[in-house]
Amino acid sequence: MPKYDFFKTSDLSEEDYNNKDVYLENDILAKSKYIPFSKDYAEMLSKWDIHGVYLDKNSNTDIANNSIEYDFDTFLNEYKMFSKIYFNCVETTKTTILNFKKTNFAQKSDFNTIVNNLYDMSTHNSTSILNILNIQTYKKETEFYVRLVNVSMISMMIANSLKLDNEQIRQIGLGGLLYDIGMIKIPENILNKFGSLSKDEYVDMKKHTVYGYKIIKNILRFDEEIAVVALSHHEYYSGKGYPRSLSESQIDVYSRIVAIAQAMEGMLRNFNVHFRTRISLSEAIREIMRESPSKFDPRIVKVFVNVISLYPVGSIVILNDNRRGLVFFTNRNYPMRPLIKIVSDADESFVKDGESINLLDYRDVYIKQIETNPIFLKHAQEEFFGVDFMLEL
């Protein structure tokens, strides 16, 4: 980023911050020059382990001309429609794989149909998809199939942002849907073991990559580009992964994309002990950023962060006036200034019929942090989205 000046976050003063656009190293605008300095910005960046920023002294960004009209009711209607498609995809994936496990037979068309449905959502309505990912409530026995569908969707979202062609995006979607299919060959006593695996059990667990490759290539008869994703999704960019210890460009690009998608999906299913809730999209994003480039291709991570945003759709943010807002649209050029639906007043009292505001239009209002109170988050999710369809899974 040669046109910018680099500063350590800890060294920045009010004079440095004011009247300047502040960027992260992946070209994301962290603070517009129109937003006054606040120590909250420095504290927030520090919490996210971002220790350096770039300042564009000559920025002449015109926020007033970048307002985006997007209605909250439209967002809710789209979400409800796409959640039904998502539900059907999970159910179909579950039925297809269980039948395959029993008979060792499946039609390629079964998986292609699932991916085609997910493709339409992932490439044309990432807003609703991100909100579906933010609500993780389902039965334990369905977790494996939810995971496959989620990884497929996230992989296609990343591939679409990399400007890959439609056929490549669908191939990556298939790779994401089938990446862990080798797990059906792992003994139940290993899969369901409570606690750490023994050394021998871990060796057996790692064989799922080879099993998956053989299933996809020799039984389902998909192309090599799709099969290799099952083999290589645990390879690390640094070369310390398995099963072949590949590094950087030795790892095919499909596998590098799916590796990021499956890592994020896995984090979303983990339990955050500190907040006693599931890890949020925002927390998962920060972890992905921290683990690049030791585990992940930094170029793809940059695209990934731009797709998801630091304030993902469906998250609840706390404004500087202490009101809460539900993010329902991300201004791609200004990810720190999304469209939000006000869901609480300054006293944290829940508001269902709050106004919708575009933070690009309010110079004196900004996000100071993400809401982590599990009780408030659960209340908001139930009021606006409901979780009944997920509980059926």
Protein backbone atom coordinates (compact mmCIF):
# COMPACT_ATOMS: atom_id res chain seq x y z
CA MET A 1 0.00 0.00 0.00
CA PRO A 2 2.64 2.55 -1.10
CA LYS A 3 0.34 5.59 -1.23
CA TYR A 4 -0.34 5.28 2.52
CA ASP A 5 1.80 6.04 5.56
CA PHE A 6 2.17 3.22 8.10
CA PHE A 7 1.85 3.87 11.85
CA LYS A 8 1.87 1.64 14.89
CA THR A 9 -1.53 1.83 16.55
CA SER A 10 0.07 2.58 19.91
CA ASP A 11 1.92 5.60 18.46
CA LEU A 12 -1.08 7.36 16.95
CA SER A 13 -2.27 10.63 18.46
CA GLU A 14 -5.51 12.53 18.10
CA GLU A 15 -3.82 14.77 15.54
CA ASP A 16 -2.82 11.73 13.48
CA TYR A 17 -6.33 10.26 13.49
CA ASN A 18 -8.44 13.37 12.90
CA ASN A 19 -9.44 14.34 9.36
CA LYS A 20 -7.76 11.28 7.83
CA ASP A 21 -8.98 7.96 6.48
CA VAL A 22 -7.55 5.06 8.50
CA TYR A 23 -7.03 1.71 6.76
CA LEU A 24 -6.14 -1.78 7.92
CA GLU A 25 -3.39 -3.64 6.08
CA ASN A 26 -5.93 -5.51 3.95
CA ASP A 27 -7.29 -2.26 2.46
CA ILE A 28 -10.35 -2.12 4.71
CA LEU A 29 -11.37 1.36 5.79
CA ALA A 30 -11.32 1.36 9.60
CA LYS A 31 -12.28 5.02 10.10
CA SER A 32 -13.40 7.67 7.66
CA LYS A 33 -11.88 11.14 7.85
CA TYR A 34 -15.40 12.42 8.52
CA ILE A 35 -15.57 10.57 11.85
CA PRO A 36 -13.98 12.43 14.79
CA PHE A 37 -11.21 10.77 16.75
CA SER A 38 -12.12 8.65 19.76
CA LYS A 39 -9.86 6.57 21.96
CA ASP A 40 -12.39 3.77 21.40
CA TYR A 41 -10.91 3.26 17.93
CA ALA A 42 -7.43 2.60 19.24
CA GLU A 43 -8.76 0.34 22.00
CA MET A 44 -10.90 -1.58 19.52
CA LEU A 45 -7.99 -2.14 17.13
CA SER A 46 -5.82 -3.29 20.01
CA LYS A 47 -8.48 -5.81 21.13
CA TRP A 48 -8.48 -7.19 17.59
CA ASP A 49 -4.69 -7.61 17.67
CA ILE A 50 -4.29 -4.99 14.94
CA HIS A 51 -1.09 -3.22 15.87
CA GLY A 52 -0.57 -1.10 12.76
CA VAL A 53 -2.71 1.02 10.43
CA TYR A 54 -2.28 3.05 7.25
CA LEU A 55 -3.27 6.71 6.93
CA ASP A 56 -4.21 8.34 3.64
CA LYS A 57 -3.47 12.02 4.14
CA ASN A 58 -4.94 13.08 0.81
CA SER A 59 -8.19 11.15 0.97
CA ASN A 60 -11.17 13.02 -0.44
CA THR A 61 -13.85 10.41 0.13
CA ASP A 62 -17.37 11.78 -0.16
CA ILE A 63 -19.56 9.85 2.24
CA ALA A 64 -22.69 11.78 1.35
CA ASN A 65 -22.71 10.27 -2.15
CA ASN A 66 -22.37 6.69 -0.95
CA SER A 67 -25.65 6.14 0.90
CA ILE A 68 -27.31 2.85 -0.01
CA GLU A 69 -31.05 2.38 0.10
CA TYR A 70 -31.88 -1.00 1.63
CA ASP A 71 -35.03 -1.75 3.57
CA PHE A 72 -34.98 -3.86 6.76
CA ASP A 73 -38.28 -5.53 5.88
CA THR A 74 -36.79 -6.59 2.53
CA PHE A 75 -33.84 -8.04 4.41
CA LEU A 76 -36.16 -10.05 6.69
CA ASN A 77 -38.23 -11.34 3.78
CA GLU A 78 -35.12 -12.43 1.91
CA TYR A 79 -33.80 -14.13 5.02
CA LYS A 80 -37.00 -16.11 5.53
CA MET A 81 -37.05 -17.20 1.90
CA PHE A 82 -33.41 -18.28 1.83
CA SER A 83 -33.61 -19.98 5.21
CA LYS A 84 -36.18 -22.38 3.75
CA ILE A 85 -33.84 -23.20 0.87
CA TYR A 86 -31.03 -23.68 3.37
CA PHE A 87 -33.16 -26.01 5.48
CA ASN A 88 -33.99 -28.12 2.42
CA CYS A 89 -30.31 -28.29 1.41
CA VAL A 90 -29.30 -29.57 4.85
CA GLU A 91 -32.07 -32.17 4.84
CA THR A 92 -31.18 -33.33 1.32
CA THR A 93 -27.49 -33.53 2.21
CA LYS A 94 -28.29 -35.59 5.28
CA THR A 95 -30.54 -38.00 3.38
CA THR A 96 -28.11 -38.39 0.48
CA ILE A 97 -25.05 -39.08 2.60
CA LEU A 98 -26.86 -41.45 4.97
CA ASN A 99 -28.12 -43.42 1.95
CA PHE A 100 -24.61 -43.44 0.48
CA LYS A 101 -23.16 -44.68 3.77
CA LYS A 102 -25.71 -47.53 3.77
CA THR A 103 -25.54 -48.51 0.07
CA ASN A 104 -22.17 -47.15 -1.10
CA PHE A 105 -24.04 -45.54 -4.00
CA ALA A 106 -25.18 -42.01 -4.83
CA GLN A 107 -25.99 -40.07 -7.98
CA LYS A 108 -23.67 -37.19 -8.85
CA SER A 109 -26.79 -35.25 -9.73
CA ASP A 110 -27.95 -35.39 -6.09
CA PHE A 111 -24.93 -33.39 -4.96
CA ASN A 112 -25.01 -31.12 -8.02
CA THR A 113 -28.61 -30.16 -7.24
CA ILE A 114 -27.69 -29.21 -3.66
CA VAL A 115 -24.76 -27.09 -4.81
CA ASN A 116 -26.83 -25.36 -7.50
CA ASN A 117 -29.30 -24.23 -4.82
CA LEU A 118 -26.50 -23.08 -2.53
CA TYR A 119 -24.78 -21.36 -5.46
CA ASP A 120 -27.78 -19.11 -6.05
CA MET A 121 -27.75 -18.00 -2.42
CA SER A 122 -23.99 -17.70 -2.02
CA THR A 123 -23.36 -15.62 -5.13
CA HIS A 124 -26.50 -13.48 -5.18
CA ASN A 125 -27.57 -13.00 -1.58
CA SER A 126 -24.61 -13.20 0.78
CA THR A 127 -26.47 -10.91 3.20
CA SER A 128 -29.00 -13.57 4.14
CA ILE A 129 -26.37 -16.32 4.14
CA LEU A 130 -24.24 -14.46 6.66
CA ASN A 131 -27.19 -14.09 8.97
CA ILE A 132 -28.00 -17.82 8.69
CA LEU A 133 -24.39 -18.56 9.68
CA ASN A 134 -24.75 -16.24 12.68
CA ILE A 135 -27.64 -18.33 14.07
CA GLN A 136 -26.38 -21.79 15.00
CA THR A 137 -29.15 -23.81 16.67
CA TYR A 138 -29.67 -27.43 15.62
CA LYS A 139 -29.70 -31.00 16.87
CA LYS A 140 -26.36 -32.66 17.58
CA GLU A 141 -26.98 -35.49 15.11
CA THR A 142 -27.42 -32.97 12.28
CA GLU A 143 -24.22 -31.02 13.00
CA PHE A 144 -22.13 -32.89 10.40
CA TYR A 145 -24.55 -32.09 7.56
CA VAL A 146 -25.00 -28.47 8.64
CA ARG A 147 -21.22 -28.18 8.58
CA LEU A 148 -20.93 -29.50 5.03
CA VAL A 149 -23.59 -27.12 3.74
CA ASN A 150 -22.07 -24.13 5.56
CA VAL A 151 -18.56 -24.85 4.25
CA SER A 152 -19.91 -25.16 0.73
CA MET A 153 -21.68 -21.78 0.98
CA ILE A 154 -18.73 -19.94 2.51
CA SER A 155 -16.36 -21.43 -0.06
CA MET A 156 -18.53 -20.23 -2.93
CA MET A 157 -18.83 -16.76 -1.40
CA ILE A 158 -15.03 -16.51 -1.29
CA ALA A 159 -14.64 -17.95 -4.81
CA ASN A 160 -17.17 -15.47 -6.16
CA SER A 161 -15.24 -12.58 -4.63
CA LEU A 162 -12.04 -13.93 -6.20
CA LYS A 163 -13.80 -13.44 -9.56
CA LEU A 164 -13.60 -17.11 -10.49
CA ASP A 165 -15.97 -18.22 -13.24
CA ASN A 166 -19.31 -19.88 -12.56
CA GLU A 167 -18.09 -23.40 -13.25
CA GLN A 168 -15.12 -22.99 -10.91
CA ILE A 169 -17.39 -21.61 -8.18
CA ARG A 170 -19.67 -24.63 -8.48
CA GLN A 171 -16.69 -27.00 -8.39
CA ILE A 172 -15.48 -25.32 -5.22
CA GLY A 173 -19.01 -25.63 -3.84
CA LEU A 174 -18.91 -29.37 -4.50
CA GLY A 175 -15.48 -29.60 -2.92
CA GLY A 176 -16.83 -27.80 0.14
CA LEU A 177 -19.93 -29.97 0.33
CA LEU A 178 -17.90 -33.20 0.12
CA TYR A 179 -14.64 -32.13 1.77
CA ASP A 180 -15.25 -34.19 4.93
CA ILE A 181 -17.16 -37.12 3.44
CA GLY A 182 -14.26 -39.40 4.39
CA MET A 183 -15.47 -39.08 8.00
CA ILE A 184 -18.13 -41.72 7.27
CA LYS A 185 -15.28 -44.27 7.18
CA ILE A 186 -13.92 -43.32 10.62
CA PRO A 187 -15.00 -45.66 13.48
CA GLU A 188 -17.81 -44.32 15.66
CA ASN A 189 -15.79 -44.83 18.86
CA ILE A 190 -13.25 -42.29 17.55
CA LEU A 191 -15.80 -39.82 16.18
CA ASN A 192 -17.83 -39.81 19.39
CA LYS A 193 -14.97 -39.98 21.89
CA PHE A 194 -15.24 -37.46 24.72
CA GLY A 195 -11.86 -35.85 25.36
CA SER A 196 -8.55 -36.00 23.52
CA LEU A 197 -7.71 -38.72 21.03
CA SER A 198 -4.78 -41.02 21.64
CA LYS A 199 -1.84 -40.88 19.25
CA ASP A 200 -3.07 -43.93 17.36
CA GLU A 201 -6.64 -42.62 17.25
CA TYR A 202 -5.43 -39.31 15.85
CA VAL A 203 -3.50 -41.15 13.13
CA ASP A 204 -6.70 -43.01 12.23
CA MET A 205 -8.72 -39.77 12.27
CA LYS A 206 -6.34 -38.12 9.79
CA LYS A 207 -7.05 -40.91 7.30
CA HIS A 208 -10.41 -39.29 6.55
CA THR A 209 -8.62 -37.08 4.00
CA VAL A 210 -7.49 -40.09 1.95
CA TYR A 211 -10.83 -41.86 2.39
CA GLY A 212 -12.65 -38.75 1.16
CA TYR A 213 -10.42 -38.41 -1.90
CA LYS A 214 -11.03 -42.03 -2.89
CA ILE A 215 -14.79 -41.76 -2.38
CA ILE A 216 -15.11 -38.60 -4.49
CA LYS A 217 -12.71 -39.76 -7.22
CA ASN A 218 -13.40 -43.50 -7.52
CA ILE A 219 -16.98 -43.98 -6.32
CA LEU A 220 -18.78 -40.69 -7.01
CA ARG A 221 -16.47 -40.12 -10.00
CA PHE A 222 -16.13 -36.38 -9.70
CA ASP A 223 -13.17 -34.56 -11.28
CA GLU A 224 -9.74 -34.54 -9.68
CA GLU A 225 -10.09 -30.82 -8.85
CA ILE A 226 -13.03 -31.64 -6.58
CA ALA A 227 -11.61 -34.84 -5.08
CA VAL A 228 -8.30 -33.23 -4.10
CA VAL A 229 -10.14 -30.82 -1.78
CA ALA A 230 -10.96 -33.74 0.52
CA LEU A 231 -7.31 -34.76 0.47
CA SER A 232 -5.78 -31.32 1.04
CA HIS A 233 -8.15 -29.26 3.21
CA HIS A 234 -5.90 -29.82 6.27
CA GLU A 235 -2.73 -28.67 4.51
CA TYR A 236 -1.33 -25.45 6.02
CA TYR A 237 0.11 -22.59 3.99
CA SER A 238 3.31 -22.92 6.08
CA GLY A 239 3.71 -26.60 5.12
CA LYS A 240 2.90 -27.98 8.58
CA GLY A 241 -0.43 -29.58 7.72
CA TYR A 242 -1.33 -33.10 6.60
CA PRO A 243 -1.36 -35.56 4.88
CA ARG A 244 1.42 -34.42 2.48
CA SER A 245 2.93 -31.35 4.22
CA LEU A 246 2.31 -29.17 1.15
CA SER A 247 2.90 -25.42 1.33
CA GLU A 248 1.85 -22.23 -0.45
CA SER A 249 1.17 -22.79 -4.19
CA GLN A 250 1.76 -26.53 -3.83
CA ILE A 251 -1.73 -26.58 -2.32
CA ASP A 252 -4.39 -26.24 -5.02
CA VAL A 253 -6.45 -23.07 -4.85
CA TYR A 254 -9.73 -24.92 -4.25
CA SER A 255 -8.28 -26.52 -1.12
CA ARG A 256 -6.87 -23.20 0.08
CA ILE A 257 -10.33 -21.65 -0.17
CA VAL A 258 -12.12 -24.55 1.53
CA ALA A 259 -9.49 -24.60 4.31
CA ILE A 260 -10.48 -21.05 5.28
CA ALA A 261 -14.19 -21.83 4.99
CA GLN A 262 -14.01 -24.96 7.14
CA ALA A 263 -11.86 -23.23 9.75
CA MET A 264 -14.36 -20.40 10.13
CA GLU A 265 -17.32 -22.78 10.21
CA GLY A 266 -15.57 -24.83 12.88
CA MET A 267 -14.98 -21.75 15.02
CA LEU A 268 -18.66 -20.85 14.81
CA ARG A 269 -19.53 -24.20 16.39
CA ASN A 270 -17.06 -23.75 19.24
CA PHE A 271 -18.14 -22.52 22.65
CA ASN A 272 -16.74 -19.22 23.95
CA VAL A 273 -16.15 -19.91 27.65
CA HIS A 274 -15.59 -16.23 28.48
CA PHE A 275 -18.93 -15.05 27.06
CA ARG A 276 -20.71 -18.41 27.60
CA THR A 277 -22.08 -18.33 24.08
CA ARG A 278 -21.14 -19.55 20.62
CA ILE A 279 -18.26 -17.73 18.98
CA SER A 280 -19.56 -14.96 16.71
CA LEU A 281 -18.71 -14.30 13.08
CA SER A 282 -16.67 -11.29 14.19
CA GLU A 283 -14.57 -13.38 16.58
CA ALA A 284 -14.06 -16.03 13.89
CA ILE A 285 -12.89 -13.39 11.42
CA ARG A 286 -10.32 -12.04 13.87
CA GLU A 287 -9.00 -15.56 14.49
CA ILE A 288 -8.66 -16.24 10.76
CA MET A 289 -6.71 -12.99 10.40
CA ARG A 290 -4.40 -13.98 13.26
CA GLU A 291 -3.70 -17.40 11.76
CA SER A 292 -2.73 -16.01 8.36
CA PRO A 293 -0.25 -16.70 6.79
CA SER A 294 0.87 -19.63 8.96
CA LYS A 295 -2.25 -21.64 8.09
CA PHE A 296 -4.00 -19.77 5.30
CA ASP A 297 -3.19 -18.06 2.00
CA PRO A 298 -3.02 -14.34 2.97
CA ARG A 299 -4.33 -13.23 -0.44
CA ILE A 300 -7.48 -15.31 -0.01
CA VAL A 301 -7.82 -14.21 3.61
CA LYS A 302 -7.87 -10.60 2.42
CA VAL A 303 -10.79 -11.40 0.12
CA PHE A 304 -12.47 -13.45 2.85
CA VAL A 305 -12.42 -10.52 5.30
CA ASN A 306 -13.87 -8.21 2.67
CA VAL A 307 -16.69 -10.70 2.04
CA ILE A 308 -17.65 -11.18 5.68
CA SER A 309 -16.84 -7.69 7.03
CA LEU A 310 -15.65 -6.78 10.52
CA TYR A 311 -19.28 -6.20 11.51
CA PRO A 312 -21.06 -9.13 9.82
CA VAL A 313 -24.71 -9.09 8.89
CA GLY A 314 -26.74 -10.40 11.82
CA SER A 315 -24.37 -9.14 14.49
CA ILE A 316 -25.47 -6.66 17.19
CA VAL A 317 -23.27 -3.60 17.62
CA ILE A 318 -23.10 -1.00 20.39
CA LEU A 319 -22.98 2.62 19.30
CA ASN A 320 -21.11 5.43 21.00
CA ASP A 321 -24.42 6.69 22.45
CA ASN A 322 -24.93 3.19 23.96
CA ARG A 323 -27.83 2.21 21.68
CA ARG A 324 -27.70 -1.26 20.12
CA GLY A 325 -28.16 -1.91 16.42
CA LEU A 326 -28.62 -5.05 14.32
CA VAL A 327 -26.41 -5.00 11.22
CA PHE A 328 -28.46 -5.90 8.15
CA PHE A 329 -26.34 -4.52 5.29
CA THR A 330 -22.64 -3.83 4.86
CA ASN A 331 -21.37 -0.85 2.91
CA ARG A 332 -18.55 -2.68 1.13
CA ASN A 333 -16.33 0.39 0.72
CA TYR A 334 -17.00 1.40 4.34
CA PRO A 335 -17.33 -1.80 6.39
CA MET A 336 -17.13 0.15 9.65
CA ARG A 337 -20.28 2.08 8.64
CA PRO A 338 -23.03 -0.51 7.96
CA LEU A 339 -26.80 -0.14 7.83
CA ILE A 340 -28.34 -1.06 11.18
CA LYS A 341 -31.74 -1.53 12.78
CA ILE A 342 -31.88 0.08 16.24
CA VAL A 343 -32.83 -2.64 18.74
CA SER A 344 -32.30 -0.94 22.10
CA ASP A 345 -32.24 2.48 23.66
CA ALA A 346 -29.30 3.87 25.62
CA ASP A 347 -30.53 2.08 28.76
CA GLU A 348 -30.33 -1.32 26.99
CA SER A 349 -34.13 -1.67 26.94
CA PHE A 350 -35.08 -3.75 23.89
CA VAL A 351 -36.80 -1.90 21.04
CA LYS A 352 -38.51 -3.94 18.31
CA ASP A 353 -39.71 -1.07 16.13
CA GLY A 354 -36.53 0.99 16.14
CA GLU A 355 -35.47 3.08 13.17
CA SER A 356 -33.13 1.86 10.43
CA ILE A 357 -30.10 4.08 9.92
CA ASN A 358 -27.20 4.15 7.48
CA LEU A 359 -24.12 5.05 9.51
CA LEU A 360 -22.63 6.70 6.44
CA ASP A 361 -25.15 9.47 6.98
CA TYR A 362 -24.28 10.15 10.64
CA ARG A 363 -20.88 11.68 11.28
CA ASP A 364 -21.32 11.81 15.06
CA VAL A 365 -22.56 8.22 15.47
CA TYR A 366 -20.20 5.27 15.26
CA ILE A 367 -19.74 1.70 16.46
CA LYS A 368 -17.67 1.30 19.60
CA GLN A 369 -17.93 -2.49 20.06
CA ILE A 370 -19.89 -5.65 19.34
CA GLU A 371 -22.59 -6.83 21.75
CA THR A 372 -21.62 -10.11 23.46
CA ASN A 373 -24.35 -10.43 26.10
CA PRO A 374 -25.87 -13.87 25.26
CA ILE A 375 -29.24 -13.00 26.80
CA PHE A 376 -29.63 -9.87 24.68
CA LEU A 377 -28.39 -11.67 21.54
CA LYS A 378 -30.84 -14.53 22.05
CA HIS A 379 -33.71 -12.09 22.58
CA ALA A 380 -32.88 -10.21 19.38
CA GLN A 381 -32.58 -13.38 17.33
CA GLU A 382 -35.91 -14.72 18.54
CA GLU A 383 -37.71 -11.40 18.01
CA PHE A 384 -36.52 -10.80 14.47
CA PHE A 385 -35.63 -14.18 12.99
CA GLY A 386 -37.01 -16.96 15.18
CA VAL A 387 -35.09 -20.22 15.46
CA ASP A 388 -37.86 -22.72 14.87
CA PHE A 389 -36.63 -23.81 11.45
CA MET A 390 -33.16 -24.49 12.86
CA LEU A 391 -34.53 -26.44 15.82
CA GLU A 392 -36.11 -28.85 13.35
CA LEU A 393 -32.70 -29.80 11.98
